Amino acid sequence: IMYHRFDENKYPSTNISSNLFRKHLEIIRSENFNVIGIDHLANLLKEKKNLPDKTVAITIDDAYKSFFDNAYPILKEFGYPFSIFVSTASVSSKKKSDYMSWKMLKELSLNGGLILNHTVDHESLLELKDEEVISQVLNASKKINSKIGKQPNILSYPYGESSLRVEKVIEELGIEAAFAQ
C-alpha cells in the first residue's frame, strides 16, 4: 500500500488524512492482514514463492515531512514495518522544507523503517540516457547508505514510470527489486 502525503489537503491526488490512515491500519489489523517489509516481499518475489494470503507491505514515497509529523506516530502504535522511498537531493534540515531531514530518516530507520532509493532528484528515468539513470540510482544508494547505514538495494521509480530499457539498466545495477505504480 503506497502513500505520499498526510494531512496536506492542498495536494489532493497524493494526500490522505491521518484519520483515514489510522482506519486503514485498523482494518489491516482487524482483518488479520500479514504486514511484511518490502525487503521480505522482494525476497519472496525473487524466489518465486507464493505470498501468504492477505499480505501487504506499506510504503511511503518522497519522504515528505508530513509522514514524520502526522502518520509515523500512528504507524509506530501499530508496530508495522514500512519503507520510505527518498530522493536524496530533496532531504533537508530547513524548517520550512516539505521534506524530512537525515536525522528524521535515521530515526525512522531505527524504528521499523527502511530508507530506500527513489533516485537523486526524482526525475523521470524515461527521458534519461542510460549513464544518467545509472548515476541517479548509484549516487542515491551511496548517499542513503552513508547517512543511514546499509539498506536493501530496492528502488521505487520516480512517478512510478519505467520502460523495458530502464528496467534492463536497473537490473544490470543489481537492484534487488524495483517498484512502479
N, C-alpha and C. Protein backbone atom coordinates (compact mmCIF):
# COMPACT_ATOMS: atom_id res chain seq x y z
N ILE A 1 0.87 -1.16 0.00
CA ILE A 1 0.00 0.00 0.00
C ILE A 1 0.92 1.22 0.00
N MET A 2 0.73 2.08 -1.00
CA MET A 2 1.64 3.22 -1.16
C MET A 2 0.95 4.52 -0.74
N TYR A 3 1.70 5.31 0.01
CA TYR A 3 1.23 6.62 0.45
C TYR A 3 2.27 7.68 0.09
N HIS A 4 1.86 8.94 0.16
CA HIS A 4 2.76 10.06 -0.08
C HIS A 4 2.68 11.09 1.04
N ARG A 5 1.59 11.86 1.06
CA ARG A 5 1.43 12.98 2.00
C ARG A 5 0.30 12.69 2.98
N PHE A 6 0.40 13.33 4.14
CA PHE A 6 -0.60 13.13 5.20
C PHE A 6 -1.06 14.48 5.72
N ASP A 7 -2.38 14.69 5.68
CA ASP A 7 -2.99 15.93 6.17
C ASP A 7 -2.50 17.17 5.42
N GLU A 8 -2.25 17.02 4.14
CA GLU A 8 -1.86 18.15 3.29
C GLU A 8 -2.91 18.29 2.20
N ASN A 9 -4.03 18.87 2.56
CA ASN A 9 -5.20 18.94 1.68
C ASN A 9 -4.96 19.68 0.37
N LYS A 10 -3.94 20.52 0.32
CA LYS A 10 -3.69 21.25 -0.93
C LYS A 10 -3.09 20.35 -2.02
N TYR A 11 -2.82 19.09 -1.68
CA TYR A 11 -2.31 18.10 -2.65
C TYR A 11 -3.26 16.90 -2.69
N PRO A 12 -4.47 17.07 -3.20
CA PRO A 12 -5.48 16.01 -3.09
C PRO A 12 -5.12 14.69 -3.77
N SER A 13 -4.34 14.73 -4.83
CA SER A 13 -4.05 13.48 -5.54
C SER A 13 -3.04 12.59 -4.81
N THR A 14 -2.28 13.17 -3.87
CA THR A 14 -1.28 12.36 -3.16
C THR A 14 -1.46 12.42 -1.64
N ASN A 15 -2.56 12.96 -1.18
CA ASN A 15 -2.76 13.19 0.24
C ASN A 15 -3.79 12.22 0.83
N ILE A 16 -3.60 11.90 2.10
CA ILE A 16 -4.59 11.16 2.87
C ILE A 16 -4.63 11.78 4.27
N SER A 17 -5.78 11.78 4.89
CA SER A 17 -5.86 12.30 6.25
C SER A 17 -5.30 11.27 7.22
N SER A 18 -4.79 11.74 8.33
CA SER A 18 -4.28 10.80 9.35
C SER A 18 -5.40 9.93 9.88
N ASN A 19 -6.61 10.48 9.98
CA ASN A 19 -7.74 9.68 10.45
C ASN A 19 -8.03 8.52 9.52
N LEU A 20 -8.01 8.77 8.22
CA LEU A 20 -8.25 7.70 7.25
C LEU A 20 -7.08 6.71 7.27
N PHE A 21 -5.86 7.21 7.40
CA PHE A 21 -4.70 6.33 7.51
C PHE A 21 -4.85 5.40 8.71
N ARG A 22 -5.26 5.94 9.85
CA ARG A 22 -5.49 5.12 11.03
C ARG A 22 -6.54 4.04 10.75
N LYS A 23 -7.60 4.43 10.04
CA LYS A 23 -8.65 3.45 9.69
C LYS A 23 -8.09 2.34 8.81
N HIS A 24 -7.22 2.70 7.87
CA HIS A 24 -6.57 1.67 7.04
C HIS A 24 -5.83 0.67 7.92
N LEU A 25 -5.04 1.19 8.86
CA LEU A 25 -4.26 0.30 9.73
C LEU A 25 -5.16 -0.53 10.64
N GLU A 26 -6.25 0.06 11.09
CA GLU A 26 -7.20 -0.70 11.92
C GLU A 26 -7.83 -1.84 11.13
N ILE A 27 -8.16 -1.60 9.87
CA ILE A 27 -8.71 -2.66 9.02
C ILE A 27 -7.66 -3.74 8.78
N ILE A 28 -6.44 -3.33 8.51
CA ILE A 28 -5.35 -4.30 8.31
C ILE A 28 -5.23 -5.20 9.53
N ARG A 29 -5.31 -4.61 10.72
CA ARG A 29 -5.20 -5.39 11.95
C ARG A 29 -6.44 -6.25 12.18
N SER A 30 -7.63 -5.67 12.07
CA SER A 30 -8.86 -6.41 12.39
C SER A 30 -9.13 -7.53 11.39
N GLU A 31 -8.66 -7.36 10.16
CA GLU A 31 -8.86 -8.40 9.14
C GLU A 31 -7.68 -9.36 9.06
N ASN A 32 -6.77 -9.25 10.02
CA ASN A 32 -5.62 -10.17 10.13
C ASN A 32 -4.75 -10.22 8.88
N PHE A 33 -4.47 -9.03 8.33
CA PHE A 33 -3.53 -8.97 7.22
C PHE A 33 -2.12 -9.23 7.75
N ASN A 34 -1.29 -9.79 6.91
CA ASN A 34 0.11 -10.06 7.20
C ASN A 34 0.92 -8.89 6.64
N VAL A 35 1.44 -8.02 7.50
CA VAL A 35 2.22 -6.87 7.06
C VAL A 35 3.70 -7.25 7.10
N ILE A 36 4.32 -7.19 5.93
CA ILE A 36 5.74 -7.55 5.84
C ILE A 36 6.54 -6.36 5.30
N GLY A 37 7.83 -6.38 5.56
CA GLY A 37 8.71 -5.37 4.99
C GLY A 37 8.85 -5.59 3.50
N ILE A 38 9.10 -4.51 2.78
CA ILE A 38 9.22 -4.64 1.33
C ILE A 38 10.45 -5.47 0.95
N ASP A 39 11.45 -5.51 1.83
CA ASP A 39 12.61 -6.36 1.58
C ASP A 39 12.20 -7.84 1.61
N HIS A 40 11.34 -8.20 2.54
CA HIS A 40 10.82 -9.57 2.62
C HIS A 40 9.98 -9.87 1.38
N LEU A 41 9.14 -8.93 0.98
CA LEU A 41 8.33 -9.08 -0.23
C LEU A 41 9.23 -9.29 -1.45
N ALA A 42 10.28 -8.48 -1.57
CA ALA A 42 11.20 -8.61 -2.70
C ALA A 42 11.85 -9.99 -2.73
N ASN A 43 12.23 -10.51 -1.56
CA ASN A 43 12.83 -11.85 -1.50
C ASN A 43 11.85 -12.93 -1.92
N LEU A 44 10.60 -12.83 -1.47
CA LEU A 44 9.59 -13.80 -1.87
C LEU A 44 9.37 -13.78 -3.38
N LEU A 45 9.31 -12.58 -3.95
CA LEU A 45 9.12 -12.47 -5.39
C LEU A 45 10.33 -13.02 -6.15
N LYS A 46 11.52 -12.69 -5.68
CA LYS A 46 12.76 -13.15 -6.34
C LYS A 46 12.86 -14.67 -6.31
N GLU A 47 12.44 -15.26 -5.19
CA GLU A 47 12.49 -16.72 -5.05
C GLU A 47 11.27 -17.41 -5.67
N LYS A 48 10.40 -16.60 -6.28
CA LYS A 48 9.18 -17.09 -6.93
C LYS A 48 8.31 -17.91 -5.98
N LYS A 49 8.27 -17.46 -4.74
CA LYS A 49 7.42 -18.09 -3.73
C LYS A 49 6.08 -17.38 -3.70
N ASN A 50 5.04 -18.13 -3.39
CA ASN A 50 3.72 -17.53 -3.26
C ASN A 50 3.67 -16.67 -2.01
N LEU A 51 3.00 -15.53 -2.13
CA LEU A 51 2.79 -14.68 -0.96
C LEU A 51 1.73 -15.32 -0.08
N PRO A 52 1.91 -15.25 1.22
CA PRO A 52 0.83 -15.70 2.10
C PRO A 52 -0.42 -14.88 1.83
N ASP A 53 -1.59 -15.49 2.02
CA ASP A 53 -2.83 -14.77 1.84
C ASP A 53 -2.83 -13.49 2.67
N LYS A 54 -3.48 -12.48 2.13
CA LYS A 54 -3.68 -11.21 2.82
C LYS A 54 -2.37 -10.57 3.27
N THR A 55 -1.38 -10.58 2.40
CA THR A 55 -0.08 -9.98 2.69
C THR A 55 0.01 -8.60 2.06
N VAL A 56 0.47 -7.63 2.83
CA VAL A 56 0.67 -6.27 2.33
C VAL A 56 2.02 -5.74 2.83
N ALA A 57 2.54 -4.79 2.08
CA ALA A 57 3.71 -4.01 2.51
C ALA A 57 3.28 -2.55 2.47
N ILE A 58 3.78 -1.77 3.40
CA ILE A 58 3.43 -0.36 3.49
C ILE A 58 4.63 0.47 3.04
N THR A 59 4.39 1.32 2.02
CA THR A 59 5.46 2.18 1.52
C THR A 59 5.01 3.63 1.48
N ILE A 60 5.98 4.51 1.62
CA ILE A 60 5.73 5.94 1.56
C ILE A 60 6.76 6.52 0.58
N ASP A 61 6.27 7.18 -0.47
CA ASP A 61 7.15 7.78 -1.46
C ASP A 61 7.47 9.23 -1.10
N ASP A 62 8.66 9.65 -1.43
CA ASP A 62 9.11 11.04 -1.46
C ASP A 62 9.59 11.62 -0.13
N ALA A 63 9.37 10.94 0.98
CA ALA A 63 9.89 11.39 2.29
C ALA A 63 9.41 12.78 2.68
N TYR A 64 8.12 13.01 2.50
CA TYR A 64 7.55 14.28 2.95
C TYR A 64 7.51 14.33 4.47
N LYS A 65 7.77 15.50 5.00
CA LYS A 65 7.78 15.70 6.44
C LYS A 65 6.41 15.38 7.06
N SER A 66 5.35 15.51 6.29
CA SER A 66 4.01 15.24 6.83
C SER A 66 3.87 13.78 7.26
N PHE A 67 4.63 12.88 6.64
CA PHE A 67 4.61 11.49 7.13
C PHE A 67 5.19 11.44 8.54
N PHE A 68 6.34 12.05 8.70
CA PHE A 68 7.02 12.02 10.00
C PHE A 68 6.15 12.65 11.09
N ASP A 69 5.54 13.79 10.78
CA ASP A 69 4.77 14.53 11.77
C ASP A 69 3.40 13.91 12.04
N ASN A 70 2.72 13.40 11.02
CA ASN A 70 1.32 13.03 11.17
C ASN A 70 1.04 11.53 11.11
N ALA A 71 1.77 10.79 10.31
CA ALA A 71 1.46 9.36 10.14
C ALA A 71 2.40 8.44 10.90
N TYR A 72 3.65 8.82 11.00
CA TYR A 72 4.61 7.96 11.70
C TYR A 72 4.19 7.65 13.14
N PRO A 73 3.71 8.64 13.92
CA PRO A 73 3.26 8.30 15.27
C PRO A 73 2.15 7.24 15.28
N ILE A 74 1.27 7.28 14.30
CA ILE A 74 0.20 6.29 14.21
C ILE A 74 0.77 4.94 13.82
N LEU A 75 1.62 4.93 12.82
CA LEU A 75 2.23 3.68 12.35
C LEU A 75 3.04 3.03 13.45
N LYS A 76 3.71 3.85 14.24
CA LYS A 76 4.51 3.35 15.37
C LYS A 76 3.63 2.62 16.39
N GLU A 77 2.42 3.14 16.63
CA GLU A 77 1.48 2.48 17.54
C GLU A 77 1.18 1.05 17.09
N PHE A 78 1.04 0.87 15.78
CA PHE A 78 0.68 -0.44 15.24
C PHE A 78 1.90 -1.37 15.12
N GLY A 79 3.08 -0.80 15.07
CA GLY A 79 4.30 -1.61 15.02
C GLY A 79 4.54 -2.31 13.70
N TYR A 80 3.95 -1.81 12.62
CA TYR A 80 4.15 -2.45 11.32
C TYR A 80 5.44 -1.97 10.66
N PRO A 81 6.10 -2.87 9.94
CA PRO A 81 7.27 -2.43 9.16
C PRO A 81 6.81 -1.55 8.01
N PHE A 82 7.69 -0.66 7.56
CA PHE A 82 7.35 0.25 6.46
C PHE A 82 8.63 0.65 5.75
N SER A 83 8.45 1.21 4.57
CA SER A 83 9.58 1.69 3.77
C SER A 83 9.32 3.11 3.31
N ILE A 84 10.37 3.92 3.33
CA ILE A 84 10.33 5.28 2.80
C ILE A 84 11.23 5.32 1.57
N PHE A 85 10.68 5.70 0.44
CA PHE A 85 11.47 5.88 -0.77
C PHE A 85 11.84 7.36 -0.87
N VAL A 86 13.14 7.64 -0.82
CA VAL A 86 13.62 9.02 -0.71
C VAL A 86 14.49 9.41 -1.91
N SER A 87 14.21 10.60 -2.44
CA SER A 87 15.10 11.21 -3.43
C SER A 87 16.08 12.06 -2.64
N THR A 88 17.33 11.69 -2.69
CA THR A 88 18.32 12.23 -1.76
C THR A 88 18.54 13.73 -1.88
N ALA A 89 18.36 14.31 -3.06
CA ALA A 89 18.55 15.76 -3.21
C ALA A 89 17.48 16.56 -2.49
N SER A 90 16.35 15.94 -2.18
CA SER A 90 15.25 16.64 -1.51
C SER A 90 15.40 16.67 0.00
N VAL A 91 16.22 15.80 0.55
CA VAL A 91 16.37 15.74 2.01
C VAL A 91 16.85 17.09 2.51
N SER A 92 16.21 17.60 3.57
CA SER A 92 16.52 18.95 4.02
C SER A 92 16.31 19.12 5.52
N SER A 93 17.19 19.88 6.12
CA SER A 93 17.05 20.24 7.54
C SER A 93 16.38 21.60 7.71
N LYS A 94 16.04 22.24 6.61
CA LYS A 94 15.40 23.57 6.70
C LYS A 94 14.00 23.44 7.29
N LYS A 95 13.71 24.33 8.21
CA LYS A 95 12.44 24.29 8.94
C LYS A 95 11.23 24.34 8.00
N LYS A 96 11.30 25.14 6.95
CA LYS A 96 10.16 25.32 6.05
C LYS A 96 10.12 24.29 4.91
N SER A 97 11.05 23.37 4.87
CA SER A 97 11.07 22.35 3.82
C SER A 97 9.89 21.39 3.98
N ASP A 98 9.39 20.90 2.86
CA ASP A 98 8.35 19.86 2.87
C ASP A 98 8.94 18.48 3.13
N TYR A 99 10.27 18.38 3.09
CA TYR A 99 10.92 17.07 3.13
C TYR A 99 11.60 16.81 4.47
N MET A 100 11.74 15.53 4.78
CA MET A 100 12.40 15.12 6.01
C MET A 100 13.90 15.39 5.94
N SER A 101 14.50 15.45 7.11
CA SER A 101 15.94 15.59 7.24
C SER A 101 16.56 14.19 7.38
N TRP A 102 17.89 14.14 7.28
CA TRP A 102 18.57 12.86 7.50
C TRP A 102 18.37 12.39 8.94
N LYS A 103 18.28 13.32 9.87
CA LYS A 103 18.04 12.95 11.28
C LYS A 103 16.68 12.26 11.42
N MET A 104 15.66 12.80 10.79
CA MET A 104 14.33 12.17 10.82
C MET A 104 14.36 10.79 10.17
N LEU A 105 15.01 10.71 9.03
CA LEU A 105 15.10 9.43 8.32
C LEU A 105 15.86 8.39 9.14
N LYS A 106 16.90 8.83 9.84
CA LYS A 106 17.64 7.92 10.70
C LYS A 106 16.75 7.39 11.82
N GLU A 107 15.94 8.28 12.41
CA GLU A 107 15.01 7.84 13.46
C GLU A 107 14.05 6.79 12.92
N LEU A 108 13.53 7.02 11.73
CA LEU A 108 12.62 6.05 11.12
C LEU A 108 13.31 4.71 10.93
N SER A 109 14.57 4.76 10.49
CA SER A 109 15.31 3.51 10.25
C SER A 109 15.55 2.74 11.54
N LEU A 110 15.59 3.44 12.66
CA LEU A 110 15.80 2.78 13.95
C LEU A 110 14.49 2.28 14.56
N ASN A 111 13.37 2.56 13.89
CA ASN A 111 12.05 2.20 14.42
C ASN A 111 11.16 1.52 13.39
N GLY A 112 11.71 0.56 12.69
CA GLY A 112 10.91 -0.27 11.78
C GLY A 112 10.87 0.17 10.34
N GLY A 113 11.56 1.25 9.99
CA GLY A 113 11.51 1.74 8.62
C GLY A 113 12.76 1.44 7.82
N LEU A 114 12.58 1.10 6.57
CA LEU A 114 13.68 1.01 5.63
C LEU A 114 13.72 2.31 4.84
N ILE A 115 14.90 2.83 4.60
CA ILE A 115 15.07 4.06 3.84
C ILE A 115 15.65 3.64 2.49
N LEU A 116 14.84 3.79 1.44
CA LEU A 116 15.18 3.18 0.15
C LEU A 116 15.26 4.21 -0.97
N ASN A 117 15.76 3.75 -2.09
CA ASN A 117 16.15 4.57 -3.24
C ASN A 117 14.96 5.02 -4.09
N HIS A 118 14.88 6.33 -4.29
CA HIS A 118 13.90 6.93 -5.19
C HIS A 118 14.64 7.88 -6.14
N THR A 119 15.93 7.61 -6.35
CA THR A 119 16.90 8.35 -7.17
C THR A 119 17.37 9.61 -6.46
N VAL A 120 18.28 10.31 -7.11
CA VAL A 120 18.83 11.54 -6.52
C VAL A 120 17.80 12.66 -6.53
N ASP A 121 17.25 12.97 -7.71
CA ASP A 121 16.41 14.16 -7.78
C ASP A 121 15.01 13.94 -8.34
N HIS A 122 14.56 12.68 -8.36
CA HIS A 122 13.17 12.37 -8.71
C HIS A 122 12.82 12.71 -10.15
N GLU A 123 13.80 12.77 -11.03
CA GLU A 123 13.50 12.96 -12.45
C GLU A 123 12.95 11.66 -13.01
N SER A 124 12.02 11.78 -13.96
CA SER A 124 11.56 10.59 -14.66
C SER A 124 12.76 9.95 -15.36
N LEU A 125 12.90 8.65 -15.20
CA LEU A 125 14.04 7.95 -15.81
C LEU A 125 13.82 7.68 -17.29
N LEU A 126 12.60 7.86 -17.76
CA LEU A 126 12.27 7.52 -19.15
C LEU A 126 13.04 8.34 -20.17
N GLU A 127 13.30 9.61 -19.86
CA GLU A 127 13.96 10.50 -20.82
C GLU A 127 15.48 10.59 -20.62
N LEU A 128 15.99 9.93 -19.58
CA LEU A 128 17.42 10.00 -19.28
C LEU A 128 18.19 8.96 -20.09
N LYS A 129 19.44 9.29 -20.41
CA LYS A 129 20.34 8.32 -21.03
C LYS A 129 20.70 7.26 -19.99
N ASP A 130 21.14 6.12 -20.45
CA ASP A 130 21.49 5.02 -19.54
C ASP A 130 22.49 5.47 -18.48
N GLU A 131 23.49 6.25 -18.88
CA GLU A 131 24.51 6.70 -17.93
C GLU A 131 23.90 7.59 -16.86
N GLU A 132 22.91 8.39 -17.24
CA GLU A 132 22.24 9.26 -16.27
C GLU A 132 21.38 8.44 -15.30
N VAL A 133 20.72 7.42 -15.81
CA VAL A 133 19.94 6.53 -14.94
C VAL A 133 20.87 5.88 -13.92
N ILE A 134 22.00 5.38 -14.40
CA ILE A 134 22.98 4.74 -13.52
C ILE A 134 23.44 5.72 -12.44
N SER A 135 23.76 6.94 -12.83
CA SER A 135 24.21 7.95 -11.88
C SER A 135 23.14 8.26 -10.85
N GLN A 136 21.90 8.46 -11.30
CA GLN A 136 20.79 8.76 -10.40
C GLN A 136 20.62 7.68 -9.33
N VAL A 137 20.70 6.44 -9.74
CA VAL A 137 20.45 5.32 -8.83
C VAL A 137 21.66 5.07 -7.92
N LEU A 138 22.84 4.99 -8.50
CA LEU A 138 24.03 4.68 -7.69
C LEU A 138 24.36 5.79 -6.69
N ASN A 139 24.23 7.04 -7.11
CA ASN A 139 24.53 8.14 -6.19
C ASN A 139 23.52 8.22 -5.05
N ALA A 140 22.26 7.92 -5.34
CA ALA A 140 21.25 7.90 -4.27
C ALA A 140 21.55 6.77 -3.28
N SER A 141 21.87 5.59 -3.79
CA SER A 141 22.20 4.46 -2.90
C SER A 141 23.39 4.78 -2.01
N LYS A 142 24.41 5.36 -2.62
CA LYS A 142 25.63 5.71 -1.87
C LYS A 142 25.30 6.69 -0.75
N LYS A 143 24.50 7.71 -1.05
CA LYS A 143 24.14 8.72 -0.06
C LYS A 143 23.31 8.12 1.08
N ILE A 144 22.32 7.32 0.73
CA ILE A 144 21.47 6.69 1.74
C ILE A 144 22.30 5.81 2.66
N ASN A 145 23.13 4.97 2.08
CA ASN A 145 23.94 4.05 2.89
C ASN A 145 24.94 4.80 3.76
N SER A 146 25.45 5.94 3.29
CA SER A 146 26.40 6.70 4.10
C SER A 146 25.71 7.42 5.26
N LYS A 147 24.48 7.86 5.05
CA LYS A 147 23.77 8.63 6.08
C LYS A 147 22.97 7.74 7.04
N ILE A 148 22.47 6.61 6.56
CA ILE A 148 21.56 5.77 7.34
C ILE A 148 22.21 4.46 7.76
N GLY A 149 23.11 3.96 6.95
CA GLY A 149 23.65 2.62 7.13
C GLY A 149 23.13 1.76 6.00
N LYS A 150 23.72 0.60 5.84
CA LYS A 150 23.39 -0.28 4.71
C LYS A 150 21.90 -0.59 4.68
N GLN A 151 21.28 -0.31 3.53
CA GLN A 151 19.86 -0.57 3.31
C GLN A 151 19.72 -1.55 2.15
N PRO A 152 18.59 -2.24 2.08
CA PRO A 152 18.37 -3.14 0.93
C PRO A 152 18.44 -2.35 -0.38
N ASN A 153 18.88 -3.02 -1.42
CA ASN A 153 19.07 -2.41 -2.73
C ASN A 153 17.76 -2.47 -3.52
N ILE A 154 16.79 -1.65 -3.09
CA ILE A 154 15.45 -1.64 -3.65
C ILE A 154 15.13 -0.22 -4.11
N LEU A 155 14.43 -0.13 -5.24
CA LEU A 155 14.14 1.15 -5.88
C LEU A 155 12.65 1.32 -6.11
N SER A 156 12.18 2.54 -6.01
CA SER A 156 10.85 2.92 -6.49
C SER A 156 11.08 3.91 -7.62
N TYR A 157 10.53 3.61 -8.79
CA TYR A 157 10.70 4.50 -9.94
C TYR A 157 10.03 5.85 -9.68
N PRO A 158 10.72 6.96 -9.92
CA PRO A 158 10.06 8.26 -9.81
C PRO A 158 8.81 8.30 -10.70
N TYR A 159 7.74 8.81 -10.15
CA TYR A 159 6.44 8.89 -10.82
C TYR A 159 5.87 7.52 -11.18
N GLY A 160 6.50 6.46 -10.68
CA GLY A 160 6.04 5.11 -10.97
C GLY A 160 6.29 4.70 -12.41
N GLU A 161 7.15 5.44 -13.13
CA GLU A 161 7.36 5.22 -14.55
C GLU A 161 8.60 4.39 -14.83
N SER A 162 8.43 3.39 -15.69
CA SER A 162 9.58 2.61 -16.15
C SER A 162 9.35 2.20 -17.60
N SER A 163 10.36 1.65 -18.17
CA SER A 163 10.29 1.10 -19.52
C SER A 163 11.19 -0.13 -19.54
N LEU A 164 11.09 -0.92 -20.58
CA LEU A 164 11.95 -2.11 -20.68
C LEU A 164 13.43 -1.71 -20.67
N ARG A 165 13.76 -0.61 -21.36
CA ARG A 165 15.15 -0.15 -21.38
C ARG A 165 15.63 0.22 -19.98
N VAL A 166 14.83 1.02 -19.27
CA VAL A 166 15.21 1.44 -17.92
C VAL A 166 15.28 0.22 -16.99
N GLU A 167 14.33 -0.68 -17.10
CA GLU A 167 14.33 -1.88 -16.26
C GLU A 167 15.58 -2.72 -16.48
N LYS A 168 16.04 -2.79 -17.73
CA LYS A 168 17.26 -3.54 -18.02
C LYS A 168 18.47 -2.89 -17.33
N VAL A 169 18.56 -1.57 -17.42
CA VAL A 169 19.65 -0.84 -16.77
C VAL A 169 19.61 -1.07 -15.26
N ILE A 170 18.43 -0.98 -14.68
CA ILE A 170 18.26 -1.18 -13.23
C ILE A 170 18.67 -2.59 -12.84
N GLU A 171 18.25 -3.56 -13.62
CA GLU A 171 18.61 -4.95 -13.33
C GLU A 171 20.13 -5.15 -13.39
N GLU A 172 20.78 -4.55 -14.39
CA GLU A 172 22.23 -4.67 -14.53
C GLU A 172 22.97 -4.02 -13.36
N LEU A 173 22.33 -3.07 -12.66
CA LEU A 173 22.94 -2.44 -11.49
C LEU A 173 22.85 -3.32 -10.25
N GLY A 174 22.12 -4.43 -10.36
CA GLY A 174 21.99 -5.33 -9.22
C GLY A 174 20.91 -4.93 -8.25
N ILE A 175 19.98 -4.10 -8.69
CA ILE A 175 18.85 -3.72 -7.84
C ILE A 175 18.03 -4.99 -7.60
N GLU A 176 17.74 -5.27 -6.33
CA GLU A 176 17.01 -6.49 -5.96
C GLU A 176 15.56 -6.47 -6.43
N ALA A 177 14.94 -5.30 -6.35
CA ALA A 177 13.55 -5.14 -6.77
C ALA A 177 13.32 -3.68 -7.09
N ALA A 178 12.45 -3.42 -8.06
CA ALA A 178 12.10 -2.05 -8.43
C ALA A 178 10.58 -1.99 -8.56
N PHE A 179 9.98 -0.98 -7.96
CA PHE A 179 8.53 -0.88 -7.90
C PHE A 179 8.02 0.30 -8.69
N ALA A 180 6.87 0.09 -9.35
CA ALA A 180 6.19 1.13 -10.10
C ALA A 180 4.77 1.23 -9.57
N GLN A 181 4.02 2.19 -10.07
CA GLN A 181 2.62 2.31 -9.67
C GLN A 181 1.75 1.52 -10.61
